[in-house]
Structures are given as C-alpha cells and as structure tokens.
N, C-alpha and C. Protein backbone atom coordinates (compact mmCIF):
# COMPACT_ATOMS: atom_id res chain seq x y z
N MET A 1 -7.50 -10.71 0.48
CA MET A 1 -6.89 -11.32 -0.97
C MET A 1 -6.62 -12.65 -0.78
N SER A 2 -6.23 -13.11 -2.09
CA SER A 2 -6.27 -14.66 -2.35
C SER A 2 -5.26 -14.87 -3.88
N ASP A 3 -4.97 -15.92 -3.96
CA ASP A 3 -4.03 -16.29 -5.21
C ASP A 3 -4.98 -16.23 -6.38
N CYS A 4 -4.60 -15.63 -7.12
CA CYS A 4 -5.68 -15.30 -8.63
C CYS A 4 -4.61 -15.84 -9.81
N SER A 5 -5.36 -15.87 -10.86
CA SER A 5 -4.72 -16.23 -12.13
C SER A 5 -5.57 -15.04 -13.05
N ILE A 6 -4.60 -14.23 -13.83
CA ILE A 6 -5.00 -13.17 -14.98
C ILE A 6 -4.87 -13.92 -16.25
N VAL A 7 -6.10 -13.99 -17.11
CA VAL A 7 -5.95 -14.53 -18.35
C VAL A 7 -6.80 -13.39 -19.39
N ARG A 8 -5.65 -13.23 -20.48
CA ARG A 8 -6.27 -12.20 -21.46
C ARG A 8 -6.84 -12.82 -22.84
N LEU A 9 -8.31 -12.52 -22.92
CA LEU A 9 -8.95 -12.91 -24.00
C LEU A 9 -8.80 -11.94 -25.12
N GLU A 10 -8.74 -12.40 -26.35
CA GLU A 10 -8.99 -11.56 -27.59
C GLU A 10 -10.40 -11.27 -27.64
N LYS A 11 -10.91 -10.02 -28.08
CA LYS A 11 -12.16 -9.49 -28.10
C LYS A 11 -13.21 -10.48 -28.90
N SER A 12 -12.65 -11.15 -29.89
CA SER A 12 -13.56 -11.82 -30.87
C SER A 12 -13.88 -13.20 -30.21
N ALA A 13 -12.87 -13.77 -29.39
CA ALA A 13 -13.26 -14.89 -28.56
C ALA A 13 -14.10 -14.70 -27.34
N THR A 14 -13.97 -13.39 -26.89
CA THR A 14 -14.68 -13.14 -25.45
C THR A 14 -16.34 -12.93 -26.43
N VAL A 15 -16.72 -12.34 -27.18
CA VAL A 15 -17.76 -12.28 -27.96
C VAL A 15 -18.32 -13.44 -28.29
N ARG A 16 -17.75 -14.46 -28.75
CA ARG A 16 -18.25 -15.70 -29.10
C ARG A 16 -18.44 -16.51 -27.87
N VAL A 17 -17.63 -16.25 -26.86
CA VAL A 17 -18.01 -17.11 -25.62
C VAL A 17 -19.35 -16.39 -24.83
N LEU A 18 -19.53 -15.02 -25.22
CA LEU A 18 -20.61 -14.63 -24.43
C LEU A 18 -21.83 -15.19 -25.28
N HIS A 19 -21.60 -15.35 -26.64
CA HIS A 19 -22.90 -15.65 -27.60
C HIS A 19 -23.33 -17.28 -27.20
N GLU A 20 -21.94 -17.89 -26.89
CA GLU A 20 -22.39 -19.68 -26.93
C GLU A 20 -22.64 -20.06 -25.61
N GLN A 21 -22.42 -19.45 -24.53
CA GLN A 21 -22.30 -19.74 -23.10
C GLN A 21 -23.43 -18.73 -22.45
N PRO A 22 -24.64 -19.27 -22.15
CA PRO A 22 -25.52 -18.31 -21.17
C PRO A 22 -24.95 -18.11 -19.96
N VAL A 23 -24.65 -19.10 -19.27
CA VAL A 23 -23.94 -19.41 -17.72
C VAL A 23 -22.88 -18.19 -17.62
N PHE A 24 -21.88 -18.43 -18.49
CA PHE A 24 -20.82 -17.53 -18.62
C PHE A 24 -21.19 -15.96 -18.57
N THR A 25 -21.96 -15.53 -19.73
CA THR A 25 -22.71 -14.43 -19.71
C THR A 25 -23.36 -13.88 -18.55
N GLU A 26 -24.01 -14.83 -17.95
CA GLU A 26 -24.49 -14.35 -16.96
C GLU A 26 -23.65 -13.78 -15.64
N LEU A 27 -23.02 -14.79 -15.67
CA LEU A 27 -22.09 -14.53 -14.43
C LEU A 27 -21.11 -12.96 -14.67
N PHE A 28 -20.39 -13.05 -16.16
CA PHE A 28 -19.91 -11.95 -16.43
C PHE A 28 -20.75 -10.62 -16.39
N LEU A 29 -21.90 -10.86 -16.69
CA LEU A 29 -22.85 -9.18 -16.51
C LEU A 29 -23.01 -8.90 -15.19
N ALA A 30 -23.32 -10.30 -14.11
CA ALA A 30 -23.30 -9.74 -13.04
C ALA A 30 -22.08 -9.17 -12.01
N HIS A 31 -21.00 -9.85 -12.56
CA HIS A 31 -19.52 -9.08 -12.07
C HIS A 31 -19.83 -7.66 -12.66
N LEU A 32 -20.04 -7.48 -13.76
CA LEU A 32 -19.84 -6.02 -14.55
C LEU A 32 -20.81 -5.04 -13.79
N LEU A 33 -21.86 -5.51 -13.58
CA LEU A 33 -22.66 -4.62 -12.65
C LEU A 33 -22.53 -4.42 -11.33
N SER A 34 -21.91 -5.44 -10.57
CA SER A 34 -21.57 -5.26 -9.39
C SER A 34 -20.43 -4.30 -9.14
N ARG A 35 -19.31 -4.37 -10.43
CA ARG A 35 -18.21 -3.79 -10.16
C ARG A 35 -18.53 -2.04 -10.43
N ASN A 36 -19.51 -1.77 -11.27
CA ASN A 36 -20.12 -0.78 -11.71
C ASN A 36 -20.55 0.44 -10.35
N VAL A 37 -21.36 -0.93 -9.73
CA VAL A 37 -21.97 -0.20 -8.32
C VAL A 37 -20.84 0.16 -7.48
N ARG A 38 -19.97 -0.93 -6.91
CA ARG A 38 -19.01 -0.51 -6.33
C ARG A 38 -18.24 0.95 -6.37
N ILE A 39 -17.91 1.01 -8.18
CA ILE A 39 -17.10 2.11 -8.57
C ILE A 39 -18.10 3.63 -8.04
N GLU A 40 -19.11 3.49 -8.14
CA GLU A 40 -20.30 4.51 -7.99
C GLU A 40 -20.33 4.68 -6.35
N GLU A 41 -20.40 3.71 -5.82
CA GLU A 41 -20.24 3.84 -4.27
C GLU A 41 -19.29 4.39 -3.64
N ASP A 42 -17.92 4.05 -4.26
CA ASP A 42 -16.56 4.64 -3.96
C ASP A 42 -16.30 6.08 -4.35
N LEU A 43 -16.94 6.33 -5.23
CA LEU A 43 -17.02 8.04 -5.63
C LEU A 43 -18.06 8.85 -4.80
N VAL A 44 -19.09 8.13 -4.39
CA VAL A 44 -19.73 9.01 -3.58
C VAL A 44 -19.25 8.89 -2.17
N ASP A 45 -18.76 8.13 -1.89
CA ASP A 45 -17.74 7.90 -0.64
C ASP A 45 -16.93 9.09 -0.38
N GLN A 46 -15.98 9.10 -1.80
CA GLN A 46 -14.80 10.03 -1.63
C GLN A 46 -15.35 11.49 -1.57
N LEU A 47 -16.64 11.78 -2.09
CA LEU A 47 -17.09 13.24 -2.32
C LEU A 47 -17.79 13.46 -1.00
N VAL A 48 -18.53 12.68 -0.33
CA VAL A 48 -19.30 12.95 0.45
C VAL A 48 -18.59 12.86 2.29
N ASN A 49 -17.98 11.69 2.19
CA ASN A 49 -17.43 11.06 3.40
C ASN A 49 -15.94 11.48 3.70
N VAL A 50 -16.16 11.90 5.16
CA VAL A 50 -14.62 12.44 5.85
C VAL A 50 -13.79 11.04 5.80
N SER A 51 -12.35 11.17 5.92
CA SER A 51 -11.57 10.03 5.59
C SER A 51 -11.65 9.01 6.90
N GLU A 52 -11.94 9.52 7.98
CA GLU A 52 -12.79 8.43 9.18
C GLU A 52 -13.45 7.30 8.80
N LYS A 53 -14.72 8.11 8.23
CA LYS A 53 -15.72 7.00 7.67
C LYS A 53 -15.10 6.23 6.52
N ARG A 54 -14.33 6.89 5.50
CA ARG A 54 -13.90 5.97 4.26
C ARG A 54 -13.09 5.01 4.87
N LEU A 55 -12.41 5.11 5.93
CA LEU A 55 -11.46 4.02 6.27
C LEU A 55 -12.48 2.83 7.18
N ALA A 56 -13.14 3.21 7.86
CA ALA A 56 -14.35 2.21 8.41
C ALA A 56 -15.01 1.64 7.62
N ARG A 57 -15.59 2.25 6.20
CA ARG A 57 -16.17 1.58 5.35
C ARG A 57 -15.16 0.48 4.64
N LEU A 58 -13.78 0.96 4.24
CA LEU A 58 -12.72 0.17 3.66
C LEU A 58 -12.77 -0.94 4.52
N LEU A 59 -12.30 -0.74 5.76
CA LEU A 59 -12.17 -1.83 6.66
C LEU A 59 -13.45 -3.04 6.42
N LEU A 60 -14.55 -2.54 6.80
CA LEU A 60 -15.89 -3.48 6.78
C LEU A 60 -15.78 -3.96 5.14
N LEU A 61 -15.40 -3.26 4.35
CA LEU A 61 -15.46 -4.00 3.01
C LEU A 61 -14.37 -5.02 2.65
N LEU A 62 -13.27 -5.10 3.33
CA LEU A 62 -12.35 -5.91 3.41
C LEU A 62 -12.76 -7.21 4.41
N ALA A 63 -13.31 -6.90 5.40
CA ALA A 63 -13.88 -7.92 6.27
C ALA A 63 -15.11 -8.54 5.83
N ASN A 64 -15.69 -8.50 4.58
CA ASN A 64 -16.90 -8.70 3.91
C ASN A 64 -17.85 -8.47 4.65
N PHE A 65 -18.03 -7.41 5.66
CA PHE A 65 -19.32 -7.34 6.26
C PHE A 65 -20.22 -6.38 5.25
N GLY A 66 -21.55 -6.79 5.54
CA GLY A 66 -22.74 -6.18 4.57
C GLY A 66 -22.69 -6.89 3.18
N LYS A 67 -21.90 -7.92 2.87
CA LYS A 67 -22.14 -8.92 1.86
C LYS A 67 -22.79 -9.87 2.23
N GLY A 68 -23.18 -10.42 1.16
CA GLY A 68 -24.03 -11.82 1.25
C GLY A 68 -23.29 -13.09 1.78
N SER A 69 -22.15 -12.91 1.96
CA SER A 69 -21.44 -14.14 2.59
C SER A 69 -20.89 -13.70 3.99
N LYS A 70 -20.72 -14.63 4.89
CA LYS A 70 -20.50 -14.58 6.33
C LYS A 70 -19.18 -13.70 6.09
N PRO A 71 -19.22 -12.64 7.05
CA PRO A 71 -18.09 -11.78 7.40
C PRO A 71 -16.62 -12.36 7.56
N LYS A 72 -15.51 -11.97 7.50
CA LYS A 72 -14.62 -12.50 7.95
C LYS A 72 -13.71 -11.47 8.65
N PRO A 73 -14.15 -11.63 9.79
CA PRO A 73 -13.48 -10.67 10.56
C PRO A 73 -11.86 -10.26 10.58
N PHE A 74 -11.16 -11.31 10.26
CA PHE A 74 -9.89 -10.90 10.43
C PHE A 74 -9.17 -10.65 9.11
N ILE A 75 -8.49 -9.66 8.78
CA ILE A 75 -7.93 -9.13 7.60
C ILE A 75 -6.25 -9.50 7.73
N ALA A 76 -5.80 -9.92 6.81
CA ALA A 76 -4.35 -10.24 6.54
C ALA A 76 -3.58 -8.91 6.86
N LYS A 77 -2.14 -9.03 7.07
CA LYS A 77 -1.60 -7.78 7.61
C LYS A 77 -1.72 -6.72 6.24
N ILE A 78 -1.84 -5.58 6.44
CA ILE A 78 -1.80 -4.75 5.25
C ILE A 78 -1.49 -3.37 5.91
N LYS A 79 -0.56 -2.79 5.18
CA LYS A 79 0.04 -1.90 5.49
C LYS A 79 -0.90 -0.29 5.56
N GLN A 80 -0.40 0.45 6.33
CA GLN A 80 -1.67 1.67 6.79
C GLN A 80 -1.12 2.84 5.33
N GLU A 81 -0.06 2.69 4.67
CA GLU A 81 0.17 3.36 3.28
C GLU A 81 -0.73 2.83 2.23
N THR A 82 -0.88 1.57 2.45
CA THR A 82 -1.89 0.81 1.54
C THR A 82 -3.39 1.39 1.67
N LEU A 83 -3.55 1.34 2.86
CA LEU A 83 -5.12 1.78 3.39
C LEU A 83 -5.42 3.20 2.94
N ALA A 84 -4.15 3.99 3.40
CA ALA A 84 -4.13 5.41 3.06
C ALA A 84 -4.41 5.79 1.48
N GLU A 85 -3.71 5.10 0.71
CA GLU A 85 -3.74 5.10 -0.68
C GLU A 85 -5.12 4.82 -1.36
N MET A 86 -5.66 3.65 -0.31
CA MET A 86 -7.03 3.26 -0.89
C MET A 86 -8.44 4.23 -0.60
N ILE A 87 -8.07 5.21 0.41
CA ILE A 87 -9.08 5.94 0.71
C ILE A 87 -8.60 7.50 0.51
N GLY A 88 -7.53 7.74 -0.41
CA GLY A 88 -7.02 9.12 -0.43
C GLY A 88 -7.04 10.07 0.64
N THR A 89 -6.06 9.44 1.67
CA THR A 89 -5.47 10.36 2.66
C THR A 89 -4.07 10.05 3.04
N THR A 90 -3.42 10.35 4.15
CA THR A 90 -2.17 10.33 4.34
C THR A 90 -1.96 9.25 5.17
N ARG A 91 -0.86 8.52 5.23
CA ARG A 91 -0.32 7.29 6.20
C ARG A 91 -0.81 7.99 7.82
N SER A 92 -0.41 9.21 7.97
CA SER A 92 -0.58 9.69 9.51
C SER A 92 -2.19 9.72 9.95
N ARG A 93 -2.64 9.82 8.88
CA ARG A 93 -4.31 10.23 9.17
C ARG A 93 -4.81 8.62 9.52
N VAL A 94 -4.45 7.90 8.61
CA VAL A 94 -4.92 6.42 8.76
C VAL A 94 -4.15 5.80 10.17
N ASN A 95 -3.00 6.24 10.56
CA ASN A 95 -2.64 5.67 11.97
C ASN A 95 -3.31 6.46 13.04
N PHE A 96 -3.75 7.78 12.95
CA PHE A 96 -4.42 8.30 13.96
C PHE A 96 -5.84 7.53 14.23
N PHE A 97 -6.25 7.29 12.97
CA PHE A 97 -7.83 6.81 12.96
C PHE A 97 -7.61 5.16 13.42
N MET A 98 -6.83 4.47 13.03
CA MET A 98 -6.58 3.06 13.57
C MET A 98 -6.41 2.82 15.08
N ASN A 99 -5.47 3.94 15.58
CA ASN A 99 -5.30 4.23 17.15
C ASN A 99 -6.81 4.20 17.61
N LYS A 100 -7.51 5.23 17.43
CA LYS A 100 -8.84 5.75 17.92
C LYS A 100 -9.82 4.56 17.75
N PHE A 101 -9.39 3.65 16.78
CA PHE A 101 -10.74 2.62 16.63
C PHE A 101 -10.23 1.47 17.46
N ARG A 102 -8.85 1.22 17.87
CA ARG A 102 -8.27 -0.03 18.57
C ARG A 102 -8.79 0.60 20.07
N LYS A 103 -8.76 2.08 20.39
CA LYS A 103 -9.17 2.46 21.76
C LYS A 103 -10.47 2.17 22.19
N ARG A 104 -11.01 2.56 20.99
CA ARG A 104 -12.80 2.17 21.27
C ARG A 104 -13.26 0.98 21.17
N GLY A 105 -12.50 -0.19 20.73
CA GLY A 105 -12.78 -1.51 20.49
C GLY A 105 -13.40 -2.02 19.30
N PHE A 106 -13.17 -1.21 18.14
CA PHE A 106 -13.53 -1.61 16.86
C PHE A 106 -12.90 -2.46 16.25
N ILE A 107 -11.21 -2.43 16.70
CA ILE A 107 -10.79 -3.30 16.01
C ILE A 107 -9.70 -3.66 16.84
N ASP A 108 -8.83 -4.89 16.76
CA ASP A 108 -7.77 -5.40 17.56
C ASP A 108 -6.66 -5.69 16.52
N TYR A 109 -5.44 -5.85 16.97
CA TYR A 109 -3.98 -6.30 16.07
C TYR A 109 -3.83 -7.40 16.95
N ASP A 110 -3.54 -8.36 15.92
CA ASP A 110 -2.62 -9.64 16.77
C ASP A 110 -1.41 -10.17 15.49
N ALA A 111 -1.18 -11.42 16.03
CA ALA A 111 0.01 -11.97 14.93
C ALA A 111 -0.62 -12.10 13.48
N ARG A 112 -1.79 -12.68 13.47
CA ARG A 112 -2.57 -13.05 12.41
C ARG A 112 -3.01 -11.82 11.13
N GLY A 113 -2.95 -10.50 12.23
CA GLY A 113 -3.33 -9.47 11.31
C GLY A 113 -4.44 -8.74 12.03
N LEU A 114 -5.40 -8.10 11.48
CA LEU A 114 -6.27 -7.17 11.88
C LEU A 114 -7.66 -7.62 12.25
N HIS A 115 -8.43 -7.59 13.36
CA HIS A 115 -9.44 -8.15 13.92
C HIS A 115 -10.67 -7.09 13.60
N ILE A 116 -11.37 -7.01 12.82
CA ILE A 116 -12.45 -6.09 12.71
C ILE A 116 -13.87 -6.52 13.45
N ARG A 117 -14.17 -5.95 14.33
CA ARG A 117 -15.80 -5.78 15.51
C ARG A 117 -16.81 -5.42 14.44
N SER A 118 -17.88 -6.24 14.79
CA SER A 118 -19.22 -5.77 14.16
C SER A 118 -19.60 -4.38 14.53
N SER A 119 -18.98 -3.94 15.85
CA SER A 119 -19.38 -2.68 16.44
C SER A 119 -18.96 -1.59 15.60
N LEU A 120 -18.03 -1.62 14.58
CA LEU A 120 -17.52 -0.88 13.80
C LEU A 120 -18.49 -0.33 12.75
N LEU A 121 -19.12 -1.57 12.30
CA LEU A 121 -20.32 -1.42 11.24
C LEU A 121 -21.47 -0.67 12.16
N LYS A 122 -21.81 -1.04 13.35
CA LYS A 122 -22.82 -0.45 13.95
C LYS A 122 -22.66 0.95 14.20
N ARG A 123 -21.34 1.20 14.44
CA ARG A 123 -21.00 2.77 14.56
C ARG A 123 -21.08 3.84 13.53
N PHE A 124 -20.49 3.18 12.40
CA PHE A 124 -20.04 4.03 11.14
C PHE A 124 -21.17 4.24 10.19
N VAL A 125 -21.73 2.72 9.84
CA VAL A 125 -22.82 2.89 9.06
C VAL A 125 -24.35 2.64 9.44
N LEU A 126 -24.50 1.90 10.36
CA LEU A 126 -25.87 1.94 11.04
C LEU A 126 -26.39 3.04 11.76
N HIS A 127 -25.31 3.75 12.66
CA HIS A 127 -25.63 4.82 13.11
C HIS A 127 -26.04 6.05 12.67
N ASP A 128 -25.35 6.08 11.33
CA ASP A 128 -25.26 7.66 10.64
C ASP A 128 -26.62 7.15 9.45
C-alpha cells in the first residue's frame, strides 16, 4: 500500500482526454483490462479454491509475486480481520492458516510486518 490521490473527472473531460491523448488512452485501457482480469481471477478463486489457498494467493499478490516487477516479500502490518474480509472467511480461520504457514516456514512476522517466502508460491501455486 502507498499514498495516493483520487481525482474525479467529468465524463466529457475524460472522453476529450481519451481522444486527444493517445498515451493516456493506452495506459487507461491497459489498467481497465488488467483490472477486469483480476476481477475474473478473484471470482474463480472464490468459487473454486478453499480459504487456505485463497489466503496464500492473497499474500503472494500483496507481495507482488507473479507480477512483472520484483517481488516485495515484506508486507506492512495488516490485520487478520482485513485479510479475512478480503478472502471471504473468518478471522479465526485466517489466524489458523497464518500459524500453519508460519510453522511450515512459508511466512515470518517481525517488527516491520509480514515476510512472505517464495516457498509459499511453490507450495500453493506451482505445486497444484
């Protein structure tokens, strides 16, 4: 997570910029398409995978594993309630799985936050 700014554009201004600025149009369309892909992946994940695998996938996504950029294995402190809401389960289930992941060496906690190890990727994504 990082600082951001939200700007509201009127529809007419957005259409004008899309017509006049091809670089912006390209970036905007790439964002929309990647957002749609992510929504579809999340839906399939919710319908097919068990909550343990959904949590593993979420942690890997938060740490940028599997993206074009270099993984950032440290995740800032995040509440288990928040993780539970994001994967559609209870905090107690998230707590159970986080302890299980920690005991198996997939994750570690420290003062900076949560450290995600690449072994989580190998176990939950590449293994299946």
